[in-house]
Amino acid sequence: MIRNIIFDMGNVLLDYNPDVCLERFVEREEDRLLIKKELFLGPEWVQGDLGYLTDEERFPGVSKRVPERLHKQLWQCVNEWDICMKPVKGAKAFCEEKKKQGYRLYVLSNASSSFYRYFPRLVDPAYFDGIVVSCDVHLIKPDIRIFRHLLDTYALKPEECFFIDDLEENVKGAQKAGIQGAVFHGDYEEIRQYFQV
């Protein structure tokens, strides 16, 4: 019997779309593509999620791969990228509904320490019985160890948990830890089907 619902954050609770940031700060399309590749898809982003770099500490490494003429725009993207974050449609209602039905709710997110700046501003942390952020444990999904860490921290039985993530490889990571799950495609009605009696 499922008693616990574990949510990914990006594109499950909060919409994560770096193009919003890039379009605001970077004028030319080819420059946007370059900064997207080097910042949002570069190794420093993963190092941030692992807790080895803050957002600001990403800049020196990324700037070496970006022309100096773009350093101002890059700096803005490094420091203000979270302007792209906004609540996913239906997420709040789903959390409220499941909380009233007696489920315990958790967050398991690959995120840097800036999570603690933007998340409480956009999502009420009171909905959740526990939160694990990758930067705090130096592990990222789909590594099975981060799922086990959440289970151990909150004394959860894997067979009583259901995990929701927008990436299939992360759901597969949860399944390796004995946790049921589903890939989120932007529609909470689709997710509700897993909880019908």
C-alpha atoms as a PDB file:
ATOM      1  CA  MET A   1       0.000   0.000   0.000  1.00  0.00           C
ATOM      2  CA  ILE A   2       1.367   3.391  -0.986  1.00  0.00           C
ATOM      3  CA  ARG A   3       1.663   5.778   1.970  1.00  0.00           C
ATOM      4  CA  ASN A   4       4.400   8.144   0.781  1.00  0.00           C
ATOM      5  CA  ILE A   5       4.714  10.225  -2.392  1.00  0.00           C
ATOM      6  CA  ILE A   6       8.172  11.468  -3.359  1.00  0.00           C
ATOM      7  CA  PHE A   7       8.386  14.378  -5.800  1.00  0.00           C
ATOM      8  CA  ASP A   8      11.225  15.525  -7.973  1.00  0.00           C
ATOM      9  CA  MET A   9      11.314  19.319  -8.034  1.00  0.00           C
ATOM     10  CA  GLY A  10      12.326  20.460 -11.547  1.00  0.00           C
ATOM     11  CA  ASN A  11       9.473  20.084 -14.058  1.00  0.00           C
ATOM     12  CA  VAL A  12       7.351  18.277 -11.463  1.00  0.00           C
ATOM     13  CA  LEU A  13       6.769  20.884  -8.745  1.00  0.00           C
ATOM     14  CA  LEU A  14       8.510  23.836 -10.407  1.00  0.00           C
ATOM     15  CA  ASP A  15       8.912  24.491 -14.108  1.00  0.00           C
ATOM     16  CA  TYR A  16      12.622  24.574 -14.978  1.00  0.00           C
ATOM     17  CA  ASN A  17      13.257  26.221 -18.339  1.00  0.00           C
ATOM     18  CA  PRO A  18      16.654  27.953 -18.688  1.00  0.00           C
ATOM     19  CA  ASP A  19      15.549  29.425 -22.027  1.00  0.00           C
ATOM     20  CA  VAL A  20      13.533  31.980 -20.012  1.00  0.00           C
ATOM     21  CA  CYS A  21      16.741  33.265 -18.437  1.00  0.00           C
ATOM     22  CA  LEU A  22      18.711  33.116 -21.682  1.00  0.00           C
ATOM     23  CA  GLU A  23      16.088  35.048 -23.632  1.00  0.00           C
ATOM     24  CA  ARG A  24      16.034  37.795 -21.018  1.00  0.00           C
ATOM     25  CA  PHE A  25      19.778  38.345 -20.752  1.00  0.00           C
ATOM     26  CA  VAL A  26      21.300  37.191 -24.067  1.00  0.00           C
ATOM     27  CA  GLU A  27      20.395  38.954 -27.299  1.00  0.00           C
ATOM     28  CA  ARG A  28      21.654  36.664 -30.062  1.00  0.00           C
ATOM     29  CA  GLU A  29      20.404  33.126 -30.589  1.00  0.00           C
ATOM     30  CA  GLU A  30      23.872  31.680 -31.248  1.00  0.00           C
ATOM     31  CA  ASP A  31      25.109  33.218 -27.984  1.00  0.00           C
ATOM     32  CA  ARG A  32      22.152  31.763 -26.116  1.00  0.00           C
ATOM     33  CA  LEU A  33      22.967  28.312 -27.472  1.00  0.00           C
ATOM     34  CA  LEU A  34      26.594  28.653 -26.391  1.00  0.00           C
ATOM     35  CA  ILE A  35      25.778  29.777 -22.839  1.00  0.00           C
ATOM     36  CA  LYS A  36      23.118  27.088 -22.527  1.00  0.00           C
ATOM     37  CA  LYS A  37      25.633  24.430 -23.534  1.00  0.00           C
ATOM     38  CA  GLU A  38      28.458  25.654 -21.318  1.00  0.00           C
ATOM     39  CA  LEU A  39      26.453  26.705 -18.242  1.00  0.00           C
ATOM     40  CA  PHE A  40      23.290  24.648 -18.021  1.00  0.00           C
ATOM     41  CA  LEU A  41      24.658  21.526 -19.698  1.00  0.00           C
ATOM     42  CA  GLY A  42      28.277  21.872 -18.560  1.00  0.00           C
ATOM     43  CA  PRO A  43      30.173  20.038 -15.804  1.00  0.00           C
ATOM     44  CA  GLU A  44      29.866  22.934 -13.353  1.00  0.00           C
ATOM     45  CA  TRP A  45      26.084  22.488 -13.256  1.00  0.00           C
ATOM     46  CA  VAL A  46      26.507  18.891 -12.088  1.00  0.00           C
ATOM     47  CA  GLN A  47      29.163  20.000  -9.591  1.00  0.00           C
ATOM     48  CA  GLY A  48      26.630  22.460  -8.188  1.00  0.00           C
ATOM     49  CA  ASP A  49      24.009  19.734  -7.845  1.00  0.00           C
ATOM     50  CA  LEU A  50      26.612  17.595  -6.077  1.00  0.00           C
ATOM     51  CA  GLY A  51      27.253  20.410  -3.619  1.00  0.00           C
ATOM     52  CA  TYR A  52      30.833  21.120  -4.645  1.00  0.00           C
ATOM     53  CA  LEU A  53      30.129  24.546  -6.205  1.00  0.00           C
ATOM     54  CA  THR A  54      27.716  27.344  -5.364  1.00  0.00           C
ATOM     55  CA  ASP A  55      25.904  29.086  -8.217  1.00  0.00           C
ATOM     56  CA  GLU A  56      28.431  31.946  -8.111  1.00  0.00           C
ATOM     57  CA  GLU A  57      31.389  29.529  -8.114  1.00  0.00           C
ATOM     58  CA  ARG A  58      30.270  28.140 -11.461  1.00  0.00           C
ATOM     59  CA  PHE A  59      31.256  31.339 -13.238  1.00  0.00           C
ATOM     60  CA  PRO A  60      35.088  31.029 -13.399  1.00  0.00           C
ATOM     61  CA  GLY A  61      35.076  27.604 -15.037  1.00  0.00           C
ATOM     62  CA  VAL A  62      32.274  28.344 -17.478  1.00  0.00           C
ATOM     63  CA  SER A  63      33.742  31.752 -18.400  1.00  0.00           C
ATOM     64  CA  LYS A  64      36.864  30.051 -19.760  1.00  0.00           C
ATOM     65  CA  ARG A  65      34.707  28.449 -22.451  1.00  0.00           C
ATOM     66  CA  VAL A  66      32.686  31.568 -23.295  1.00  0.00           C
ATOM     67  CA  PRO A  67      34.033  34.644 -25.152  1.00  0.00           C
ATOM     68  CA  GLU A  68      34.805  37.621 -22.922  1.00  0.00           C
ATOM     69  CA  ARG A  69      32.240  39.764 -24.765  1.00  0.00           C
ATOM     70  CA  LEU A  70      29.546  37.509 -23.225  1.00  0.00           C
ATOM     71  CA  HIS A  71      30.856  37.485 -19.640  1.00  0.00           C
ATOM     72  CA  LYS A  72      28.341  40.072 -18.417  1.00  0.00           C
ATOM     73  CA  GLN A  73      25.426  38.073 -19.822  1.00  0.00           C
ATOM     74  CA  LEU A  74      26.938  34.859 -18.490  1.00  0.00           C
ATOM     75  CA  TRP A  75      27.259  36.408 -15.019  1.00  0.00           C
ATOM     76  CA  GLN A  76      23.572  37.386 -15.118  1.00  0.00           C
ATOM     77  CA  CYS A  77      22.582  33.869 -16.118  1.00  0.00           C
ATOM     78  CA  VAL A  78      24.769  32.346 -13.402  1.00  0.00           C
ATOM     79  CA  ASN A  79      23.291  34.525 -10.674  1.00  0.00           C
ATOM     80  CA  GLU A  80      19.690  34.963 -11.816  1.00  0.00           C
ATOM     81  CA  TRP A  81      18.896  31.723 -13.642  1.00  0.00           C
ATOM     82  CA  ASP A  82      16.129  30.890 -11.152  1.00  0.00           C
ATOM     83  CA  ILE A  83      13.873  33.589 -12.637  1.00  0.00           C
ATOM     84  CA  CYS A  84      12.751  30.747 -14.893  1.00  0.00           C
ATOM     85  CA  MET A  85      11.264  28.811 -11.960  1.00  0.00           C
ATOM     86  CA  LYS A  86       7.494  28.899 -11.521  1.00  0.00           C
ATOM     87  CA  PRO A  87       4.969  26.409 -10.112  1.00  0.00           C
ATOM     88  CA  VAL A  88       3.897  23.585 -12.398  1.00  0.00           C
ATOM     89  CA  LYS A  89       0.183  23.695 -13.210  1.00  0.00           C
ATOM     90  CA  GLY A  90      -1.776  21.411 -10.906  1.00  0.00           C
ATOM     91  CA  ALA A  91       1.093  20.683  -8.515  1.00  0.00           C
ATOM     92  CA  LYS A  92      -0.286  22.634  -5.560  1.00  0.00           C
ATOM     93  CA  ALA A  93      -3.767  21.136  -5.912  1.00  0.00           C
ATOM     94  CA  PHE A  94      -2.329  17.625  -6.173  1.00  0.00           C
ATOM     95  CA  CYS A  95      -0.187  18.105  -3.055  1.00  0.00           C
ATOM     96  CA  GLU A  96      -3.121  19.522  -1.094  1.00  0.00           C
ATOM     97  CA  GLU A  97      -5.377  16.685  -2.203  1.00  0.00           C
ATOM     98  CA  LYS A  98      -2.921  13.925  -1.329  1.00  0.00           C
ATOM     99  CA  LYS A  99      -2.068  15.526   2.011  1.00  0.00           C
ATOM    100  CA  LYS A 100      -5.776  15.575   2.934  1.00  0.00           C
ATOM    101  CA  GLN A 101      -6.020  11.925   1.909  1.00  0.00           C
ATOM    102  CA  GLY A 102      -3.338  11.072   4.463  1.00  0.00           C
ATOM    103  CA  TYR A 103      -0.288  10.569   2.276  1.00  0.00           C
ATOM    104  CA  ARG A 104       3.080  11.794   3.494  1.00  0.00           C
ATOM    105  CA  LEU A 105       4.874  13.929   0.926  1.00  0.00           C
ATOM    106  CA  TYR A 106       8.607  14.233   0.276  1.00  0.00           C
ATOM    107  CA  VAL A 107      10.903  16.068  -2.136  1.00  0.00           C
ATOM    108  CA  LEU A 108      13.999  14.484  -3.660  1.00  0.00           C
ATOM    109  CA  SER A 109      15.776  16.966  -5.927  1.00  0.00           C
ATOM    110  CA  ASN A 110      19.011  17.280  -7.844  1.00  0.00           C
ATOM    111  CA  ALA A 111      19.748  20.914  -7.022  1.00  0.00           C
ATOM    112  CA  SER A 112      22.443  23.302  -5.842  1.00  0.00           C
ATOM    113  CA  SER A 113      22.306  25.176  -2.547  1.00  0.00           C
ATOM    114  CA  SER A 114      20.253  27.941  -4.214  1.00  0.00           C
ATOM    115  CA  PHE A 115      17.303  25.544  -3.802  1.00  0.00           C
ATOM    116  CA  TYR A 116      16.875  26.992  -0.323  1.00  0.00           C
ATOM    117  CA  ARG A 117      16.492  30.480  -1.792  1.00  0.00           C
ATOM    118  CA  TYR A 118      13.856  29.941  -4.467  1.00  0.00           C
ATOM    119  CA  PHE A 119      11.958  26.816  -3.358  1.00  0.00           C
ATOM    120  CA  PRO A 120      10.297  28.280  -0.220  1.00  0.00           C
ATOM    121  CA  ARG A 121       9.328  31.349  -2.238  1.00  0.00           C
ATOM    122  CA  LEU A 122       7.424  29.282  -4.790  1.00  0.00           C
ATOM    123  CA  VAL A 123       6.251  26.165  -2.931  1.00  0.00           C
ATOM    124  CA  ASP A 124       4.992  25.931   0.641  1.00  0.00           C
ATOM    125  CA  PRO A 125       7.510  23.663   2.435  1.00  0.00           C
ATOM    126  CA  ALA A 126       4.805  22.887   5.021  1.00  0.00           C
ATOM    127  CA  TYR A 127       3.256  20.423   2.529  1.00  0.00           C
ATOM    128  CA  PHE A 128       6.257  18.152   2.875  1.00  0.00           C
ATOM    129  CA  ASP A 129       7.240  15.706   5.592  1.00  0.00           C
ATOM    130  CA  GLY A 130      10.843  15.671   4.398  1.00  0.00           C
ATOM    131  CA  ILE A 131      13.178  17.119   1.778  1.00  0.00           C
ATOM    132  CA  VAL A 132      16.454  15.738   0.453  1.00  0.00           C
ATOM    133  CA  VAL A 133      18.532  17.969  -1.845  1.00  0.00           C
ATOM    134  CA  SER A 134      21.450  16.431  -3.726  1.00  0.00           C
ATOM    135  CA  CYS A 135      23.907  19.202  -2.823  1.00  0.00           C
ATOM    136  CA  ASP A 136      23.586  18.296   0.874  1.00  0.00           C
ATOM    137  CA  VAL A 137      24.434  14.609   0.423  1.00  0.00           C
ATOM    138  CA  HIS A 138      26.869  14.828  -2.553  1.00  0.00           C
ATOM    139  CA  LEU A 139      24.787  12.334  -4.514  1.00  0.00           C
ATOM    140  CA  ILE A 140      22.537  12.854  -7.533  1.00  0.00           C
ATOM    141  CA  LYS A 141      19.727  10.851  -9.084  1.00  0.00           C
ATOM    142  CA  PRO A 142      19.610   8.282 -10.579  1.00  0.00           C
ATOM    143  CA  ASP A 143      22.275   6.995  -8.135  1.00  0.00           C
ATOM    144  CA  ILE A 144      20.493   4.388  -6.005  1.00  0.00           C
ATOM    145  CA  ARG A 145      22.307   5.704  -2.916  1.00  0.00           C
ATOM    146  CA  ILE A 146      20.347   8.964  -2.865  1.00  0.00           C
ATOM    147  CA  PHE A 147      17.072   7.028  -2.818  1.00  0.00           C
ATOM    148  CA  ARG A 148      18.367   4.848  -0.007  1.00  0.00           C
ATOM    149  CA  HIS A 149      19.455   7.969   1.862  1.00  0.00           C
ATOM    150  CA  LEU A 150      15.926   9.370   1.723  1.00  0.00           C
ATOM    151  CA  LEU A 151      14.428   6.053   2.828  1.00  0.00           C
ATOM    152  CA  ASP A 152      16.866   5.747   5.731  1.00  0.00           C
ATOM    153  CA  THR A 153      16.572   9.385   6.810  1.00  0.00           C
ATOM    154  CA  TYR A 154      12.787   9.254   7.134  1.00  0.00           C
ATOM    155  CA  ALA A 155      12.467   5.533   8.041  1.00  0.00           C
ATOM    156  CA  LEU A 156      10.395   4.775   4.940  1.00  0.00           C
ATOM    157  CA  LYS A 157       9.655   1.346   3.493  1.00  0.00           C
ATOM    158  CA  PRO A 158      10.375   1.364  -0.255  1.00  0.00           C
ATOM    159  CA  GLU A 159       7.282  -0.670  -1.068  1.00  0.00           C
ATOM    160  CA  GLU A 160       5.142   2.062   0.549  1.00  0.00           C
ATOM    161  CA  CYS A 161       6.641   4.829  -1.620  1.00  0.00           C
ATOM    162  CA  PHE A 162       5.765   6.242  -5.032  1.00  0.00           C
ATOM    163  CA  PHE A 163       8.228   8.482  -6.893  1.00  0.00           C
ATOM    164  CA  ILE A 164       7.341  11.116  -9.528  1.00  0.00           C
ATOM    165  CA  ASP A 165      10.076  12.502 -11.812  1.00  0.00           C
ATOM    166  CA  ASP A 166      10.140  13.960 -15.314  1.00  0.00           C
ATOM    167  CA  LEU A 167      13.159  11.831 -16.298  1.00  0.00           C
ATOM    168  CA  GLU A 168      12.795   8.120 -16.984  1.00  0.00           C
ATOM    169  CA  GLU A 169      16.327   7.305 -15.805  1.00  0.00           C
ATOM    170  CA  ASN A 170      15.530   8.754 -12.382  1.00  0.00           C
ATOM    171  CA  VAL A 171      12.349   6.696 -12.090  1.00  0.00           C
ATOM    172  CA  LYS A 172      14.394   3.622 -13.006  1.00  0.00           C
ATOM    173  CA  GLY A 173      16.865   4.557 -10.251  1.00  0.00           C
ATOM    174  CA  ALA A 174      13.998   4.645  -7.761  1.00  0.00           C
ATOM    175  CA  GLN A 175      12.739   1.281  -8.979  1.00  0.00           C
ATOM    176  CA  LYS A 176      16.173  -0.233  -8.338  1.00  0.00           C
ATOM    177  CA  ALA A 177      15.732   0.896  -4.733  1.00  0.00           C
ATOM    178  CA  GLY A 178      12.361  -0.901  -4.596  1.00  0.00           C
ATOM    179  CA  ILE A 179      10.265   2.266  -5.039  1.00  0.00           C
ATOM    180  CA  GLN A 180       7.377   2.370  -7.501  1.00  0.00           C
ATOM    181  CA  GLY A 181       7.244   5.386  -9.757  1.00  0.00           C
ATOM    182  CA  ALA A 182       6.024   7.150 -12.849  1.00  0.00           C
ATOM    183  CA  VAL A 183       7.437   9.577 -15.376  1.00  0.00           C
ATOM    184  CA  PHE A 184       5.681  12.945 -15.189  1.00  0.00           C
ATOM    185  CA  HIS A 185       4.620  14.390 -18.543  1.00  0.00           C
ATOM    186  CA  GLY A 186       3.157  17.642 -17.232  1.00  0.00           C
ATOM    187  CA  ASP A 187      -0.287  16.251 -16.389  1.00  0.00           C
ATOM    188  CA  TYR A 188      -1.306  15.510 -12.820  1.00  0.00           C
ATOM    189  CA  GLU A 189      -4.502  13.834 -14.039  1.00  0.00           C
ATOM    190  CA  GLU A 190      -2.273  11.150 -15.517  1.00  0.00           C
ATOM    191  CA  ILE A 191      -0.518  10.737 -12.142  1.00  0.00           C
ATOM    192  CA  ARG A 192      -3.836  10.510 -10.270  1.00  0.00           C
ATOM    193  CA  GLN A 193      -4.587   7.288 -12.116  1.00  0.00           C
ATOM    194  CA  TYR A 194      -1.871   5.556 -10.080  1.00  0.00           C
ATOM    195  CA  PHE A 195      -3.752   6.385  -6.880  1.00  0.00           C
ATOM    196  CA  GLN A 196      -7.240   5.260  -7.859  1.00  0.00           C
ATOM    197  CA  VAL A 197      -8.620   2.612  -5.549  1.00  0.00           C
END
